[in-house]
Amino acid sequence: MKIGAEMAKEHQMDTVQSTKEVEYKMSIKLLEILKRRGIITEVEYAQIDALNRQSFSPALSKVYV
């Protein structure tokens, strides 16, 4: 059984993946603003979000859903 530092190291993200996570989160914030202002619908939000998950490939995408 792995514990402590070994387990943390196994689950660390590299710089590229961390950048993808940040970019994805920024895209979500922008989509939320557009939806709140009535510029896009809930359906459009979901479609764009699905495309963004494909583009950014965030490792934590299952957490965001």
PDB file of N, CA and C in Angstrom:
ATOM      1  N   MET A   1       0.840  -1.185   0.000  1.00  0.00           N
ATOM      2  CA  MET A   1       0.000   0.000   0.000  1.00  0.00           C
ATOM      3  C   MET A   1       0.881   1.243   0.000  1.00  0.00           C
ATOM      4  N   LYS A   2       0.615   2.156  -0.934  1.00  0.00           N
ATOM      5  CA  LYS A   2       1.385   3.389  -1.012  1.00  0.00           C
ATOM      6  C   LYS A   2       0.790   4.428  -0.063  1.00  0.00           C
ATOM      7  N   ILE A   3       1.662   5.156   0.578  1.00  0.00           N
ATOM      8  CA  ILE A   3       1.186   6.197   1.486  1.00  0.00           C
ATOM      9  C   ILE A   3       1.983   7.477   1.287  1.00  0.00           C
ATOM     10  N   GLY A   4       1.430   8.564   1.784  1.00  0.00           N
ATOM     11  CA  GLY A   4       2.133   9.837   1.836  1.00  0.00           C
ATOM     12  C   GLY A   4       2.660  10.329   0.509  1.00  0.00           C
ATOM     13  N   ALA A   5       3.968  10.618   0.494  1.00  0.00           N
ATOM     14  CA  ALA A   5       4.612  11.239  -0.662  1.00  0.00           C
ATOM     15  C   ALA A   5       4.522  10.375  -1.912  1.00  0.00           C
ATOM     16  N   GLU A   6       4.613   9.061  -1.753  1.00  0.00           N
ATOM     17  CA  GLU A   6       4.517   8.175  -2.919  1.00  0.00           C
ATOM     18  C   GLU A   6       3.162   8.310  -3.598  1.00  0.00           C
ATOM     19  N   MET A   7       2.109   8.326  -2.814  1.00  0.00           N
ATOM     20  CA  MET A   7       0.763   8.438  -3.354  1.00  0.00           C
ATOM     21  C   MET A   7       0.548   9.815  -3.996  1.00  0.00           C
ATOM     22  N   ALA A   8       1.028  10.861  -3.359  1.00  0.00           N
ATOM     23  CA  ALA A   8       0.879  12.212  -3.896  1.00  0.00           C
ATOM     24  C   ALA A   8       1.615  12.349  -5.222  1.00  0.00           C
ATOM     25  N   LYS A   9       2.833  11.801  -5.292  1.00  0.00           N
ATOM     26  CA  LYS A   9       3.614  11.888  -6.521  1.00  0.00           C
ATOM     27  C   LYS A   9       2.917  11.178  -7.674  1.00  0.00           C
ATOM     28  N   GLU A  10       2.293  10.058  -7.398  1.00  0.00           N
ATOM     29  CA  GLU A  10       1.591   9.282  -8.418  1.00  0.00           C
ATOM     30  C   GLU A  10       0.432  10.070  -9.029  1.00  0.00           C
ATOM     31  N   HIS A  11      -0.191  10.948  -8.245  1.00  0.00           N
ATOM     32  CA  HIS A  11      -1.364  11.681  -8.703  1.00  0.00           C
ATOM     33  C   HIS A  11      -1.074  13.130  -9.074  1.00  0.00           C
ATOM     34  N   GLN A  12       0.196  13.518  -9.124  1.00  0.00           N
ATOM     35  CA  GLN A  12       0.552  14.880  -9.488  1.00  0.00           C
ATOM     36  C   GLN A  12       0.299  15.133 -10.961  1.00  0.00           C
ATOM     37  N   MET A  13      -0.056  16.388 -11.257  1.00  0.00           N
ATOM     38  CA  MET A  13      -0.238  16.790 -12.650  1.00  0.00           C
ATOM     39  C   MET A  13       1.031  17.485 -13.117  1.00  0.00           C
ATOM     40  N   ASP A  14       1.346  17.303 -14.392  1.00  0.00           N
ATOM     41  CA  ASP A  14       2.463  18.053 -14.929  1.00  0.00           C
ATOM     42  C   ASP A  14       2.000  19.461 -15.304  1.00  0.00           C
ATOM     43  N   THR A  15       2.919  20.289 -15.716  1.00  0.00           N
ATOM     44  CA  THR A  15       2.610  21.682 -16.029  1.00  0.00           C
ATOM     45  C   THR A  15       1.601  21.796 -17.164  1.00  0.00           C
ATOM     46  N   VAL A  16       1.737  20.977 -18.176  1.00  0.00           N
ATOM     47  CA  VAL A  16       0.820  21.019 -19.321  1.00  0.00           C
ATOM     48  C   VAL A  16      -0.602  20.690 -18.876  1.00  0.00           C
ATOM     49  N   GLN A  17      -0.756  19.635 -18.085  1.00  0.00           N
ATOM     50  CA  GLN A  17      -2.089  19.243 -17.633  1.00  0.00           C
ATOM     51  C   GLN A  17      -2.675  20.296 -16.698  1.00  0.00           C
ATOM     52  N   SER A  18      -1.856  20.879 -15.855  1.00  0.00           N
ATOM     53  CA  SER A  18      -2.329  21.948 -14.968  1.00  0.00           C
ATOM     54  C   SER A  18      -2.833  23.140 -15.767  1.00  0.00           C
ATOM     55  N   THR A  19      -2.120  23.469 -16.836  1.00  0.00           N
ATOM     56  CA  THR A  19      -2.531  24.570 -17.706  1.00  0.00           C
ATOM     57  C   THR A  19      -3.863  24.263 -18.363  1.00  0.00           C
ATOM     58  N   LYS A  20      -4.052  23.034 -18.817  1.00  0.00           N
ATOM     59  CA  LYS A  20      -5.326  22.636 -19.416  1.00  0.00           C
ATOM     60  C   LYS A  20      -6.470  22.777 -18.420  1.00  0.00           C
ATOM     61  N   GLU A  21      -6.215  22.403 -17.165  1.00  0.00           N
ATOM     62  CA  GLU A  21      -7.245  22.527 -16.124  1.00  0.00           C
ATOM     63  C   GLU A  21      -7.646  23.986 -15.936  1.00  0.00           C
ATOM     64  N   VAL A  22      -6.661  24.864 -15.871  1.00  0.00           N
ATOM     65  CA  VAL A  22      -6.934  26.292 -15.677  1.00  0.00           C
ATOM     66  C   VAL A  22      -7.689  26.855 -16.877  1.00  0.00           C
ATOM     67  N   GLU A  23      -7.269  26.513 -18.082  1.00  0.00           N
ATOM     68  CA  GLU A  23      -7.947  27.002 -19.281  1.00  0.00           C
ATOM     69  C   GLU A  23      -9.397  26.516 -19.330  1.00  0.00           C
ATOM     70  N   TYR A  24      -9.604  25.270 -18.945  1.00  0.00           N
ATOM     71  CA  TYR A  24     -10.969  24.741 -18.939  1.00  0.00           C
ATOM     72  C   TYR A  24     -11.827  25.489 -17.924  1.00  0.00           C
ATOM     73  N   LYS A  25     -11.287  25.705 -16.727  1.00  0.00           N
ATOM     74  CA  LYS A  25     -12.041  26.427 -15.700  1.00  0.00           C
ATOM     75  C   LYS A  25     -12.361  27.849 -16.150  1.00  0.00           C
ATOM     76  N   MET A  26     -11.441  28.497 -16.854  1.00  0.00           N
ATOM     77  CA  MET A  26     -11.708  29.845 -17.382  1.00  0.00           C
ATOM     78  C   MET A  26     -12.834  29.802 -18.406  1.00  0.00           C
ATOM     79  N   SER A  27     -12.840  28.774 -19.246  1.00  0.00           N
ATOM     80  CA  SER A  27     -13.897  28.660 -20.251  1.00  0.00           C
ATOM     81  C   SER A  27     -15.259  28.480 -19.581  1.00  0.00           C
ATOM     82  N   ILE A  28     -15.297  27.724 -18.483  1.00  0.00           N
ATOM     83  CA  ILE A  28     -16.542  27.516 -17.741  1.00  0.00           C
ATOM     84  C   ILE A  28     -17.044  28.838 -17.171  1.00  0.00           C
ATOM     85  N   LYS A  29     -16.144  29.616 -16.601  1.00  0.00           N
ATOM     86  CA  LYS A  29     -16.538  30.915 -16.032  1.00  0.00           C
ATOM     87  C   LYS A  29     -17.126  31.819 -17.107  1.00  0.00           C
ATOM     88  N   LEU A  30     -16.500  31.843 -18.283  1.00  0.00           N
ATOM     89  CA  LEU A  30     -17.018  32.659 -19.382  1.00  0.00           C
ATOM     90  C   LEU A  30     -18.383  32.160 -19.851  1.00  0.00           C
ATOM     91  N   LEU A  31     -18.540  30.846 -19.944  1.00  0.00           N
ATOM     92  CA  LEU A  31     -19.835  30.282 -20.338  1.00  0.00           C
ATOM     93  C   LEU A  31     -20.922  30.645 -19.331  1.00  0.00           C
ATOM     94  N   GLU A  32     -20.578  30.603 -18.043  1.00  0.00           N
ATOM     95  CA  GLU A  32     -21.551  30.954 -17.010  1.00  0.00           C
ATOM     96  C   GLU A  32     -21.999  32.410 -17.146  1.00  0.00           C
ATOM     97  N   ILE A  33     -21.063  33.297 -17.466  1.00  0.00           N
ATOM     98  CA  ILE A  33     -21.404  34.711 -17.672  1.00  0.00           C
ATOM     99  C   ILE A  33     -22.340  34.855 -18.869  1.00  0.00           C
ATOM    100  N   LEU A  34     -22.014  34.188 -19.967  1.00  0.00           N
ATOM    101  CA  LEU A  34     -22.858  34.260 -21.168  1.00  0.00           C
ATOM    102  C   LEU A  34     -24.259  33.729 -20.899  1.00  0.00           C
ATOM    103  N   LYS A  35     -24.348  32.644 -20.153  1.00  0.00           N
ATOM    104  CA  LYS A  35     -25.652  32.053 -19.832  1.00  0.00           C
ATOM    105  C   LYS A  35     -26.451  32.978 -18.913  1.00  0.00           C
ATOM    106  N   ARG A  36     -25.784  33.507 -17.909  1.00  0.00           N
ATOM    107  CA  ARG A  36     -26.456  34.396 -16.955  1.00  0.00           C
ATOM    108  C   ARG A  36     -26.999  35.656 -17.644  1.00  0.00           C
ATOM    109  N   ARG A  37     -26.292  36.139 -18.647  1.00  0.00           N
ATOM    110  CA  ARG A  37     -26.726  37.338 -19.381  1.00  0.00           C
ATOM    111  C   ARG A  37     -27.741  37.023 -20.479  1.00  0.00           C
ATOM    112  N   GLY A  38     -28.052  35.757 -20.658  1.00  0.00           N
ATOM    113  CA  GLY A  38     -29.049  35.372 -21.647  1.00  0.00           C
ATOM    114  C   GLY A  38     -28.518  35.315 -23.069  1.00  0.00           C
ATOM    115  N   ILE A  39     -27.202  35.304 -23.211  1.00  0.00           N
ATOM    116  CA  ILE A  39     -26.595  35.284 -24.545  1.00  0.00           C
ATOM    117  C   ILE A  39     -26.620  33.874 -25.127  1.00  0.00           C
ATOM    118  N   ILE A  40     -26.469  32.886 -24.263  1.00  0.00           N
ATOM    119  CA  ILE A  40     -26.589  31.489 -24.695  1.00  0.00           C
ATOM    120  C   ILE A  40     -27.619  30.788 -23.815  1.00  0.00           C
ATOM    121  N   THR A  41     -28.180  29.717 -24.345  1.00  0.00           N
ATOM    122  CA  THR A  41     -29.170  28.927 -23.601  1.00  0.00           C
ATOM    123  C   THR A  41     -28.467  27.816 -22.822  1.00  0.00           C
ATOM    124  N   GLU A  42     -29.233  27.128 -22.005  1.00  0.00           N
ATOM    125  CA  GLU A  42     -28.708  25.988 -21.249  1.00  0.00           C
ATOM    126  C   GLU A  42     -28.222  24.891 -22.198  1.00  0.00           C
ATOM    127  N   VAL A  43     -28.956  24.686 -23.284  1.00  0.00           N
ATOM    128  CA  VAL A  43     -28.575  23.665 -24.275  1.00  0.00           C
ATOM    129  C   VAL A  43     -27.263  24.054 -24.943  1.00  0.00           C
ATOM    130  N   GLU A  44     -27.135  25.317 -25.336  1.00  0.00           N
ATOM    131  CA  GLU A  44     -25.893  25.780 -25.958  1.00  0.00           C
ATOM    132  C   GLU A  44     -24.722  25.682 -24.977  1.00  0.00           C
ATOM    133  N   TYR A  45     -24.992  26.012 -23.726  1.00  0.00           N
ATOM    134  CA  TYR A  45     -23.969  25.899 -22.682  1.00  0.00           C
ATOM    135  C   TYR A  45     -23.437  24.465 -22.620  1.00  0.00           C
ATOM    136  N   ALA A  46     -24.350  23.509 -22.579  1.00  0.00           N
ATOM    137  CA  ALA A  46     -23.959  22.101 -22.487  1.00  0.00           C
ATOM    138  C   ALA A  46     -23.175  21.656 -23.723  1.00  0.00           C
ATOM    139  N   GLN A  47     -23.590  22.110 -24.900  1.00  0.00           N
ATOM    140  CA  GLN A  47     -22.899  21.738 -26.135  1.00  0.00           C
ATOM    141  C   GLN A  47     -21.482  22.318 -26.167  1.00  0.00           C
ATOM    142  N   ILE A  48     -21.353  23.591 -25.802  1.00  0.00           N
ATOM    143  CA  ILE A  48     -20.042  24.241 -25.805  1.00  0.00           C
ATOM    144  C   ILE A  48     -19.144  23.610 -24.744  1.00  0.00           C
ATOM    145  N   ASP A  49     -19.717  23.315 -23.585  1.00  0.00           N
ATOM    146  CA  ASP A  49     -18.936  22.692 -22.518  1.00  0.00           C
ATOM    147  C   ASP A  49     -18.398  21.330 -22.964  1.00  0.00           C
ATOM    148  N   ALA A  50     -19.215  20.554 -23.655  1.00  0.00           N
ATOM    149  CA  ALA A  50     -18.767  19.248 -24.157  1.00  0.00           C
ATOM    150  C   ALA A  50     -17.600  19.422 -25.134  1.00  0.00           C
ATOM    151  N   LEU A  51     -17.699  20.414 -26.003  1.00  0.00           N
ATOM    152  CA  LEU A  51     -16.602  20.687 -26.944  1.00  0.00           C
ATOM    153  C   LEU A  51     -15.348  21.144 -26.200  1.00  0.00           C
ATOM    154  N   ASN A  52     -15.536  21.969 -25.180  1.00  0.00           N
ATOM    155  CA  ASN A  52     -14.385  22.440 -24.400  1.00  0.00           C
ATOM    156  C   ASN A  52     -13.696  21.288 -23.677  1.00  0.00           C
ATOM    157  N   ARG A  53     -14.468  20.340 -23.169  1.00  0.00           N
ATOM    158  CA  ARG A  53     -13.859  19.189 -22.498  1.00  0.00           C
ATOM    159  C   ARG A  53     -13.023  18.366 -23.475  1.00  0.00           C
ATOM    160  N   GLN A  54     -13.476  18.296 -24.726  1.00  0.00           N
ATOM    161  CA  GLN A  54     -12.690  17.584 -25.744  1.00  0.00           C
ATOM    162  C   GLN A  54     -11.421  18.365 -26.083  1.00  0.00           C
ATOM    163  N   SER A  55     -11.549  19.681 -26.201  1.00  0.00           N
ATOM    164  CA  SER A  55     -10.407  20.517 -26.583  1.00  0.00           C
ATOM    165  C   SER A  55      -9.343  20.591 -25.496  1.00  0.00           C
ATOM    166  N   PHE A  56      -9.770  20.841 -24.268  1.00  0.00           N
ATOM    167  CA  PHE A  56      -8.826  21.025 -23.175  1.00  0.00           C
ATOM    168  C   PHE A  56      -8.425  19.717 -22.508  1.00  0.00           C
ATOM    169  N   SER A  57      -9.199  18.685 -22.667  1.00  0.00           N
ATOM    170  CA  SER A  57      -8.950  17.376 -22.054  1.00  0.00           C
ATOM    171  C   SER A  57      -8.560  17.493 -20.585  1.00  0.00           C
ATOM    172  N   PRO A  58      -9.405  18.153 -19.778  1.00  0.00           N
ATOM    173  CA  PRO A  58      -9.045  18.261 -18.367  1.00  0.00           C
ATOM    174  C   PRO A  58      -9.117  16.912 -17.665  1.00  0.00           C
ATOM    175  N   ALA A  59      -8.121  16.622 -16.858  1.00  0.00           N
ATOM    176  CA  ALA A  59      -8.085  15.349 -16.130  1.00  0.00           C
ATOM    177  C   ALA A  59      -9.218  15.258 -15.139  1.00  0.00           C
ATOM    178  N   LEU A  60      -9.680  16.393 -14.652  1.00  0.00           N
ATOM    179  CA  LEU A  60     -10.731  16.424 -13.640  1.00  0.00           C
ATOM    180  C   LEU A  60     -12.116  16.669 -14.226  1.00  0.00           C
ATOM    181  N   SER A  61     -12.296  16.429 -15.516  1.00  0.00           N
ATOM    182  CA  SER A  61     -13.566  16.748 -16.176  1.00  0.00           C
ATOM    183  C   SER A  61     -14.756  16.039 -15.544  1.00  0.00           C
ATOM    184  N   LYS A  62     -14.554  14.846 -15.013  1.00  0.00           N
ATOM    185  CA  LYS A  62     -15.661  14.131 -14.368  1.00  0.00           C
ATOM    186  C   LYS A  62     -16.104  14.836 -13.091  1.00  0.00           C
ATOM    187  N   VAL A  63     -15.187  15.545 -12.456  1.00  0.00           N
ATOM    188  CA  VAL A  63     -15.510  16.293 -11.249  1.00  0.00           C
ATOM    189  C   VAL A  63     -16.347  17.517 -11.599  1.00  0.00           C
ATOM    190  N   TYR A  64     -16.094  18.108 -12.758  1.00  0.00           N
ATOM    191  CA  TYR A  64     -16.771  19.339 -13.168  1.00  0.00           C
ATOM    192  C   TYR A  64     -18.208  19.122 -13.597  1.00  0.00           C
ATOM    193  N   VAL A  65     -18.576  17.915 -13.978  1.00  0.00           N
ATOM    194  CA  VAL A  65     -19.915  17.650 -14.497  1.00  0.00           C
ATOM    195  C   VAL A  65     -20.942  17.713 -13.399  1.00  0.00           C
TER     196      VAL A  65
END
